[in-house]
Protein backbone atom coordinates (compact mmCIF):
# COMPACT_ATOMS: atom_id res chain seq x y z
CA MET A 1 120.63 -98.33 53.67
CA SER A 2 117.13 -96.89 54.04
CA GLU A 3 114.09 -98.65 55.43
CA LYS A 4 112.73 -98.57 51.91
CA ASP A 5 115.73 -100.58 50.68
CA MET A 6 115.35 -103.08 53.53
CA SER A 7 111.68 -103.74 52.74
CA ASN A 8 112.02 -104.40 49.00
CA ASP A 9 109.45 -101.75 48.15
CA ALA A 10 108.65 -101.26 44.48
CA PRO A 11 108.37 -97.56 43.55
CA GLY A 12 107.50 -98.39 39.96
CA ALA A 13 104.49 -100.59 40.70
CA PRO A 14 101.34 -99.68 38.71
CA ARG A 15 98.89 -97.22 40.25
CA ARG A 16 96.07 -99.79 40.26
CA ASP A 17 98.19 -101.89 42.63
CA PHE A 18 98.58 -98.94 45.01
CA LEU A 19 94.80 -98.56 45.17
CA LYS A 20 94.26 -102.28 45.74
CA LEU A 21 96.87 -102.44 48.50
CA ALA A 22 95.60 -99.30 50.18
CA ALA A 23 92.21 -100.83 50.86
CA GLY A 24 93.40 -101.89 54.31
CA ALA A 25 94.38 -98.32 55.19
CA VAL A 26 91.70 -96.24 53.44
CA SER A 27 87.94 -96.73 53.58
CA THR A 28 86.14 -98.03 50.49
CA THR A 29 84.05 -94.86 50.38
CA ALA A 30 87.11 -92.65 50.42
CA LEU A 31 88.76 -94.69 47.68
CA ALA A 32 85.67 -94.46 45.51
CA GLY A 33 85.74 -90.71 45.73
CA TYR A 34 89.47 -90.73 45.14
CA VAL A 35 89.30 -92.82 41.97
CA ALA A 36 86.43 -90.85 40.48
CA ALA A 37 87.94 -87.43 41.14
CA SER A 38 89.95 -85.71 38.44
CA ASP A 39 90.43 -82.19 39.80
CA THR A 40 93.99 -80.97 39.97
CA ILE A 41 95.58 -80.68 43.41
CA LYS A 42 98.51 -78.26 43.66
CA VAL A 43 101.37 -79.60 45.78
CA GLY A 44 104.43 -77.74 47.04
CA VAL A 45 107.64 -79.28 48.36
CA ILE A 46 109.69 -77.78 51.20
CA GLY A 47 113.11 -79.43 51.22
CA CYS A 48 114.71 -80.78 48.05
CA GLY A 49 117.04 -83.42 49.38
CA GLY A 50 116.47 -87.09 48.73
CA ARG A 51 113.42 -87.38 50.97
CA GLY A 52 111.70 -84.35 49.45
CA GLU A 53 112.23 -85.71 45.96
CA ALA A 54 110.98 -89.17 46.99
CA ALA A 55 107.89 -87.80 48.75
CA ALA A 56 107.01 -85.83 45.62
CA MET A 57 107.26 -89.04 43.59
CA ASN A 58 105.11 -90.90 46.12
CA ALA A 59 102.45 -88.18 45.82
CA MET A 60 102.46 -88.28 42.03
CA ASN A 61 102.32 -92.09 42.07
CA ALA A 62 99.31 -91.94 44.36
CA ASP A 63 97.12 -89.53 42.39
CA LYS A 64 97.28 -88.60 38.71
CA GLY A 65 95.60 -85.29 39.50
CA ILE A 66 98.63 -84.12 41.48
CA ARG A 67 100.66 -81.25 40.08
CA ILE A 68 103.88 -80.26 41.80
CA VAL A 69 103.78 -76.47 41.44
CA ALA A 70 106.42 -75.10 43.84
CA MET A 71 109.70 -76.22 45.40
CA GLY A 72 111.87 -74.62 48.06
CA ASP A 73 115.23 -75.32 49.64
CA ILE A 74 118.09 -73.37 51.17
CA ARG A 75 120.03 -74.11 47.96
CA LEU A 76 118.63 -73.10 44.58
CA ASP A 77 120.87 -75.56 42.74
CA ARG A 78 119.26 -78.42 44.66
CA VAL A 79 115.77 -77.16 43.73
CA GLN A 80 116.71 -77.01 40.08
CA GLU A 81 118.40 -80.41 40.15
CA LYS A 82 115.39 -82.15 41.68
CA ARG A 83 112.95 -80.29 39.43
CA SER A 84 114.81 -81.51 36.33
CA ALA A 85 115.03 -85.09 37.59
CA LEU A 86 111.34 -85.23 38.47
CA LYS A 87 110.31 -83.63 35.17
CA LEU A 88 111.98 -86.47 33.28
CA LYS A 89 110.03 -89.08 35.26
CA TYR A 90 106.70 -87.26 35.56
CA PRO A 91 106.48 -84.87 32.58
CA GLU A 92 102.71 -84.34 32.89
CA GLN A 93 102.63 -83.81 36.65
CA MET A 94 105.65 -81.59 37.19
CA ALA A 95 104.55 -77.96 36.76
CA VAL A 96 107.21 -75.94 38.60
CA ASP A 97 108.24 -72.90 36.57
CA ASP A 98 111.25 -70.69 37.28
CA ASN A 99 109.16 -68.28 39.32
CA HIS A 100 108.20 -71.06 41.73
CA CYS A 101 111.71 -72.26 42.57
CA PHE A 102 112.40 -70.69 45.96
CA LYS A 103 115.67 -70.40 47.90
CA GLY A 104 116.56 -69.64 51.49
CA PHE A 105 115.28 -70.16 55.02
CA ASP A 106 112.13 -68.18 54.13
CA ALA A 107 111.36 -70.26 51.03
CA TYR A 108 108.67 -72.15 52.96
CA ARG A 109 106.44 -69.07 52.90
CA GLN A 110 106.25 -68.94 49.08
CA VAL A 111 105.80 -72.70 48.79
CA ILE A 112 102.87 -72.67 51.22
CA GLU A 113 101.29 -69.69 49.45
CA SER A 114 101.49 -71.47 46.08
CA SER A 115 100.01 -74.82 47.13
CA ASP A 116 96.90 -76.69 48.24
CA VAL A 117 98.97 -79.41 49.91
CA VAL A 118 102.44 -78.98 51.39
CA ILE A 119 105.11 -81.67 51.63
CA ILE A 120 107.51 -80.85 54.48
CA ALA A 121 110.76 -82.81 54.09
CA ASN A 122 113.54 -80.43 55.08
CA ALA A 123 115.66 -80.40 58.25
CA ALA A 124 113.57 -81.76 61.13
CA LYS A 125 114.22 -78.66 63.23
CA PHE A 126 111.82 -76.78 60.98
CA HIS A 127 109.06 -79.41 60.76
CA PRO A 128 106.91 -78.07 63.64
CA PHE A 129 107.30 -74.44 62.57
CA HIS A 130 106.48 -75.11 58.93
CA LEU A 131 103.62 -77.46 59.85
CA LYS A 132 102.09 -74.70 61.98
CA ALA A 133 102.54 -72.13 59.19
CA ALA A 134 100.88 -74.41 56.62
CA ILE A 135 97.91 -75.23 58.86
CA GLU A 136 97.44 -71.55 59.72
CA ALA A 137 97.33 -70.88 55.96
CA GLY A 138 94.61 -73.50 55.52
CA LYS A 139 96.73 -76.12 53.71
CA HIS A 140 96.76 -79.91 54.00
CA VAL A 141 100.17 -81.26 55.03
CA PHE A 142 102.41 -84.27 54.67
CA VAL A 143 105.23 -83.94 57.21
CA GLU A 144 108.25 -86.20 57.35
CA LYS A 145 109.67 -87.73 60.49
CA PRO A 146 110.92 -86.89 63.01
CA HIS A 147 108.14 -84.43 63.68
CA ALA A 148 110.25 -82.43 66.12
CA ILE A 149 113.72 -82.60 67.67
CA ASP A 150 112.92 -81.17 71.10
CA PRO A 151 109.98 -80.87 73.53
CA ALA A 152 109.25 -77.28 72.48
CA GLY A 153 108.81 -78.50 68.91
CA ILE A 154 106.44 -81.25 69.98
CA GLN A 155 104.27 -78.73 71.79
CA MET A 156 104.01 -76.84 68.50
CA VAL A 157 103.15 -80.07 66.62
CA ARG A 158 100.43 -80.91 69.12
CA ALA A 159 98.91 -77.45 68.75
CA ALA A 160 99.16 -77.52 64.94
CA THR A 161 97.51 -80.92 64.55
CA GLY A 162 94.76 -79.80 66.92
CA MET A 163 94.26 -76.70 64.77
CA ALA A 164 94.13 -78.92 61.66
CA ALA A 165 91.38 -81.03 63.21
CA ALA A 166 89.37 -77.91 64.01
CA LYS A 167 89.79 -76.62 60.45
CA GLY A 168 89.02 -79.94 58.75
CA LEU A 169 92.53 -80.22 57.28
CA SER A 170 94.49 -83.44 56.77
CA VAL A 171 97.89 -84.07 58.36
CA MET A 172 99.77 -87.17 57.21
CA SER A 173 102.85 -88.45 59.01
CA GLY A 174 105.97 -89.84 57.35
CA LEU A 175 105.82 -92.82 59.75
CA GLN A 176 104.71 -95.00 56.88
CA SER A 177 104.73 -98.35 58.73
CA ARG A 178 101.15 -97.65 59.79
CA TYR A 179 100.07 -97.89 56.12
CA HIS A 180 101.86 -101.13 55.26
CA PRO A 181 99.18 -103.84 54.76
CA GLY A 182 101.61 -106.60 55.72
CA TYR A 183 102.52 -104.87 58.97
CA GLN A 184 98.82 -104.20 59.63
CA GLU A 185 97.92 -107.88 59.26
CA THR A 186 100.89 -109.07 61.30
CA MET A 187 100.26 -106.56 64.09
CA LYS A 188 96.59 -107.56 64.22
CA ARG A 189 97.64 -111.15 64.85
CA VAL A 190 99.98 -110.02 67.62
CA HIS A 191 97.17 -108.02 69.21
CA ASP A 192 94.84 -111.02 68.85
CA GLY A 193 97.24 -113.14 70.93
CA ALA A 194 99.30 -115.06 68.37
CA ILE A 195 102.46 -114.68 70.48
CA GLY A 196 100.72 -114.45 73.85
CA ASP A 197 101.48 -111.52 76.12
CA ILE A 198 104.33 -109.25 74.99
CA VAL A 199 107.28 -109.46 77.39
CA ALA A 200 109.96 -107.53 75.48
CA ILE A 201 110.69 -105.85 72.14
CA GLN A 202 114.05 -105.47 70.43
CA GLU A 203 114.43 -102.60 67.95
CA THR A 204 117.61 -102.42 65.89
CA TRP A 205 118.85 -100.21 63.08
CA LEU A 206 122.57 -100.44 62.43
CA ARG A 207 123.91 -98.89 59.22
CA PRO A 208 126.65 -96.72 57.71
CA PRO A 209 126.54 -92.90 58.00
CA TYR A 210 123.41 -91.50 56.38
CA VAL A 211 123.20 -88.97 53.49
CA MET A 212 126.36 -86.86 53.62
CA TYR A 213 126.88 -83.68 51.59
CA GLU A 214 130.27 -82.06 51.17
CA ARG A 215 130.62 -78.32 51.58
CA ALA A 216 129.62 -76.47 48.40
CA PRO A 217 131.36 -73.20 47.41
CA GLY A 218 129.77 -69.93 48.49
CA LEU A 219 127.73 -71.22 51.42
CA THR A 220 127.77 -69.58 54.82
CA GLU A 221 128.55 -71.85 57.76
CA VAL A 222 124.86 -72.09 58.67
CA GLU A 223 123.89 -72.87 55.07
CA TYR A 224 126.50 -75.62 54.90
CA GLN A 225 125.31 -77.20 58.12
CA ALA A 226 121.70 -77.01 56.97
CA SER A 227 122.63 -78.57 53.62
CA ASN A 228 124.29 -81.47 55.52
CA GLN A 229 121.60 -81.45 58.17
CA TYR A 230 121.55 -85.12 59.18
CA HIS A 231 124.91 -84.64 60.91
CA PHE A 232 124.20 -81.66 63.18
CA HIS A 233 122.19 -82.20 66.34
CA TRP A 234 120.54 -78.75 66.29
CA LEU A 235 119.05 -79.51 62.88
CA CYS A 236 118.27 -83.25 62.92
CA GLY A 237 117.93 -84.14 66.60
CA ASP A 238 120.49 -86.99 66.21
CA ASP A 239 119.99 -90.64 65.37
CA VAL A 240 117.37 -91.85 67.86
CA PRO A 241 114.73 -89.40 66.53
CA GLN A 242 116.07 -89.60 62.97
CA THR A 243 116.36 -93.37 62.59
CA LEU A 244 114.84 -95.28 65.49
CA ILE A 245 111.60 -93.33 65.29
CA HIS A 246 110.29 -95.85 62.74
CA ASN A 247 111.16 -98.75 65.04
CA LEU A 248 109.85 -97.08 68.19
CA ASP A 249 106.62 -96.08 66.46
CA ARG A 250 106.12 -99.77 65.64
CA SER A 251 106.86 -100.68 69.28
CA SER A 252 104.29 -98.19 70.55
CA TRP A 253 101.81 -99.60 68.03
CA ALA A 254 102.54 -103.14 69.32
CA MET A 255 101.93 -101.86 72.86
CA ARG A 256 98.49 -100.64 71.74
CA ASN A 257 99.57 -97.03 71.20
CA THR A 258 100.90 -96.43 74.69
CA ALA A 259 104.14 -94.81 75.82
CA PRO A 260 106.87 -96.02 78.19
CA VAL A 261 107.08 -94.49 81.64
CA ARG A 262 110.86 -94.13 81.68
CA ALA A 263 114.03 -94.60 79.64
CA TYR A 264 117.75 -94.77 80.21
CA GLY A 265 120.39 -94.90 77.56
CA MET A 266 123.99 -94.52 76.57
CA GLY A 267 125.71 -93.23 73.49
CA GLY A 268 128.58 -91.22 72.13
CA ARG A 269 131.00 -90.78 69.28
CA SER A 270 133.70 -93.37 68.89
CA THR A 271 134.78 -93.37 65.26
CA LEU A 272 133.56 -90.59 62.99
CA LYS A 273 136.14 -87.86 62.35
CA GLY A 274 136.09 -85.05 59.81
CA GLU A 275 133.97 -82.11 58.77
CA ILE A 276 131.37 -84.07 56.83
CA TYR A 277 130.25 -86.04 59.90
CA GLY A 278 129.17 -82.93 61.81
CA ASN A 279 128.71 -83.31 65.57
CA VAL A 280 126.15 -86.10 66.09
CA PHE A 281 126.76 -89.29 68.09
CA ASP A 282 127.59 -92.42 66.08
CA HIS A 283 126.04 -95.01 68.42
CA HIS A 284 123.11 -95.21 70.86
CA ALA A 285 121.48 -97.84 73.06
CA VAL A 286 118.26 -97.15 74.97
CA VAL A 287 116.12 -99.22 77.34
CA TYR A 288 112.46 -98.20 77.66
CA GLU A 289 110.15 -99.52 80.37
CA PHE A 290 106.35 -99.58 80.23
CA ALA A 291 104.04 -99.44 83.23
CA GLY A 292 103.44 -103.21 83.15
CA GLY A 293 107.15 -104.01 83.09
CA VAL A 294 107.55 -104.66 79.35
CA ARG A 295 110.87 -103.32 78.06
CA ILE A 296 112.06 -102.17 74.67
CA TYR A 297 115.76 -102.63 73.93
CA ALA A 298 116.62 -100.17 71.15
CA TYR A 299 119.91 -99.83 69.29
CA CYS A 300 121.19 -97.66 66.45
CA ARG A 301 124.65 -97.06 64.99
CA THR A 302 126.01 -95.17 61.96
CA ILE A 303 129.56 -96.40 61.37
CA ASP A 304 131.11 -97.86 58.19
CA ASN A 305 132.45 -101.42 57.94
CA CYS A 306 130.29 -102.80 60.75
CA TYR A 307 127.49 -105.35 61.00
CA ASN A 308 124.20 -103.87 59.72
CA GLU A 309 120.64 -104.80 60.66
CA ASN A 310 117.15 -103.31 60.55
CA SER A 311 114.64 -105.28 62.59
CA SER A 312 111.60 -105.10 64.87
CA LEU A 313 111.34 -108.23 67.03
CA ILE A 314 108.38 -108.64 69.39
CA LEU A 315 108.83 -111.36 72.03
CA GLY A 316 105.82 -112.96 73.72
CA THR A 317 104.94 -115.68 76.19
CA LYS A 318 103.88 -118.00 73.36
CA GLY A 319 106.23 -117.02 70.55
CA ARG A 320 107.89 -114.17 68.68
CA CYS A 321 107.05 -111.84 65.82
CA ASP A 322 109.61 -110.70 63.25
CA LEU A 323 107.52 -107.76 62.07
CA LEU A 324 109.62 -106.61 59.10
CA ARG A 325 109.67 -110.16 57.75
CA LEU A 326 105.94 -110.55 58.43
CA ARG A 327 106.58 -113.76 60.38
CA ILE A 328 105.26 -115.30 63.62
CA GLN A 329 106.93 -118.34 65.22
CA GLY A 330 106.14 -120.36 68.36
CA GLU A 331 102.86 -121.97 69.33
CA THR A 332 101.53 -120.30 66.19
CA ASN A 333 103.64 -120.44 63.02
CA TRP A 334 102.52 -118.03 60.31
CA GLN A 335 104.08 -116.25 57.35
CA HIS A 336 102.31 -113.46 55.50
CA ALA A 337 101.47 -114.56 51.95
CA GLY A 338 102.80 -111.34 50.45
CA SER A 339 106.11 -111.34 52.32
CA GLN A 340 108.19 -111.71 49.17
CA GLY A 341 106.57 -108.76 47.38
CA LYS A 342 106.06 -106.10 49.98
CA PRO A 343 104.00 -103.05 48.96
CA ASN A 344 105.37 -99.53 49.00
CA ALA A 345 103.97 -97.98 52.17
CA TYR A 346 105.51 -94.64 51.16
CA ASP A 347 103.06 -94.55 48.26
CA LEU A 348 100.18 -95.93 50.29
CA GLU A 349 100.33 -93.18 52.91
CA GLN A 350 100.04 -90.66 50.07
CA VAL A 351 97.08 -92.62 48.65
CA ALA A 352 95.45 -92.29 52.07
CA LEU A 353 96.20 -88.56 52.25
CA PHE A 354 94.81 -87.65 48.85
CA ALA A 355 91.83 -89.99 49.25
CA ALA A 356 91.01 -88.13 52.47
CA ILE A 357 91.37 -84.75 50.77
CA ARG A 358 89.21 -85.74 47.80
CA SER A 359 86.53 -87.38 49.95
CA GLY A 360 86.32 -84.47 52.38
CA LYS A 361 87.02 -86.85 55.28
CA PRO A 362 90.28 -85.56 56.80
CA VAL A 363 92.97 -87.86 58.12
CA ASN A 364 94.99 -86.62 61.09
CA CYS A 365 97.98 -88.59 62.42
CA GLY A 366 98.71 -86.17 65.23
CA ASP A 367 98.23 -88.70 68.04
CA TYR A 368 101.04 -91.07 67.09
CA MET A 369 103.15 -88.28 65.56
CA VAL A 370 103.40 -86.68 69.00
CA ARG A 371 103.70 -89.86 71.05
CA SER A 372 106.29 -91.64 68.90
CA THR A 373 108.45 -88.53 68.55
CA LEU A 374 108.38 -87.95 72.31
CA ILE A 375 109.45 -91.57 72.87
CA THR A 376 112.53 -90.97 70.72
CA LEU A 377 113.29 -87.74 72.57
CA MET A 378 113.20 -89.61 75.89
CA GLY A 379 115.93 -91.90 74.58
CA GLN A 380 118.03 -89.24 72.88
CA PHE A 381 118.02 -86.92 75.89
CA SER A 382 118.95 -89.81 78.16
CA CYS A 383 121.90 -90.69 75.91
CA TYR A 384 123.02 -87.05 75.87
CA SER A 385 122.76 -86.54 79.63
CA GLY A 386 123.40 -90.02 80.99
CA LYS A 387 120.30 -89.60 83.17
CA GLU A 388 117.04 -91.49 83.41
CA VAL A 389 114.28 -89.60 81.56
CA THR A 390 110.63 -90.14 82.43
CA TRP A 391 107.60 -89.67 80.20
CA ASP A 392 106.28 -86.93 82.47
CA GLN A 393 109.59 -85.05 82.26
CA ILE A 394 109.79 -85.06 78.48
CA ALA A 395 106.06 -84.42 77.95
CA LYS A 396 106.04 -81.36 80.24
CA SER A 397 109.39 -79.88 79.21
CA ASP A 398 109.76 -76.77 77.06
CA TYR A 399 113.44 -77.36 76.26
CA VAL A 400 114.54 -76.20 72.79
CA HIS A 401 117.73 -76.83 70.82
CA LEU A 402 118.69 -73.21 70.09
CA PRO A 403 118.34 -71.28 67.91
CA ARG A 404 114.58 -71.45 67.54
CA PRO A 405 113.56 -72.30 63.97
CA GLU A 406 112.03 -68.89 63.32
CA ASP A 407 115.34 -67.23 64.28
CA VAL A 408 117.61 -69.15 61.89
CA ARG A 409 119.32 -66.95 59.29
CA ALA A 410 122.01 -67.70 56.73
CA ASP A 411 124.40 -65.09 58.13
CA MET A 412 123.93 -65.87 61.84
CA GLU A 413 126.55 -67.32 64.17
CA PRO A 414 126.10 -71.11 64.07
CA PRO A 415 125.57 -73.12 67.27
CA VAL A 416 128.75 -75.09 66.57
CA ARG A 417 131.91 -74.48 64.54
CA PRO A 418 134.66 -76.87 63.44
CA GLY A 419 137.75 -77.23 65.62
CA PRO A 420 141.37 -76.79 64.51
CA ASP A 421 141.44 -80.25 62.89
CA GLY A 422 138.29 -79.51 60.84
CA SER A 423 136.07 -81.80 62.93
CA TYR A 424 133.08 -80.46 64.82
CA PRO A 425 133.13 -80.95 68.60
CA VAL A 426 130.45 -83.16 70.12
CA TYR A 427 128.04 -80.86 71.91
CA PHE A 428 126.75 -83.08 74.73
CA THR A 429 128.65 -85.05 77.39
CA PRO A 430 126.89 -87.84 79.34
CA GLY A 431 127.09 -87.22 83.08
CA VAL A 432 127.78 -83.52 82.54
CA SER A 433 125.13 -82.10 80.19
CA LYS A 434 121.81 -81.08 81.71
CA LEU A 435 118.82 -80.81 79.38
CA LEU A 436 115.61 -81.24 81.41
């Protein structure tokens, strides 16, 4: 189940509601310019899985002047499938002709060239590289999470978002919690002392295996792995960056946009067998410690037929905050009035992006993109190695999950191959593997 499912978002809500709800995230001036503008903005989509399709819908919901003009993926059939599905829902805004359906690991180049704004929603390994390419080409960017899967990638993200700021380009993050009005109001109350001083945070996301694609005929081994990217560590970064990044971004936000000083974790693979599950871990647990002693206890698991939960619980000296339920209990008892009809933050972040573009007042999410991704890498690398990982270690490292994104080719030797039983071997061993 996705975070979107857990929050009862409403993708079909009228556009006027998006604008009303976005007022907490976008300035009135920017919205005025946004509403009045009618010029077409050409948008290209890199990555045509479920998230690429959804991000394209969010963009078209947010601004009637959006035209999706180019789409790229490693598989042409996926491009064509998503193009047809989107055309049925958005006949006036979908403008992708046959000549702008691009296939292969170099498809990003043609998408960037064809667009004013680029949606990056492919395998996370490529997010930093494609973000950098788009900014160098002078394009505004929406980039999905996680924003990198290794420290080398984060260095590229930091440089690219800095370049965007210098060029006056917008960069919007897929960490959409920051644009949820209910979360904004609840977090403000936490920061204003409604639960006292924060003493601990529990972050949990337990669910079944996420988005699995069976092997399609005619694909090379690298193409297959990339088409089923959520299940290969060298493409997705594994489940702490992939899943817990939303939770840990909210924790950092609660801690006033600071980072923990150290982390230690454990994880492994206990259950998942078979080709389709790739070589990622199926469970993780990480403890993060901040300079003042506050700890985050973070858990994720992707196994069928188990207890599931998605929650962000902030514990204080005077009470507790259940952030996803927009509820505070303790000395102060408060429930957000809109808790039963939560807005779609996926749409609202796109409202903010296109309002910024139309108003000429760029938005740049680089600060928390870098920090929150690095927090997840601290935890993931600790689970892989079994070692404590400090903030200084992860922030200064240049480690990369090989191959580098610019070196990936369809016919190359893959980093991992299936064993005799068809299952892929787990790549990292706690207590043995050395990463930093």
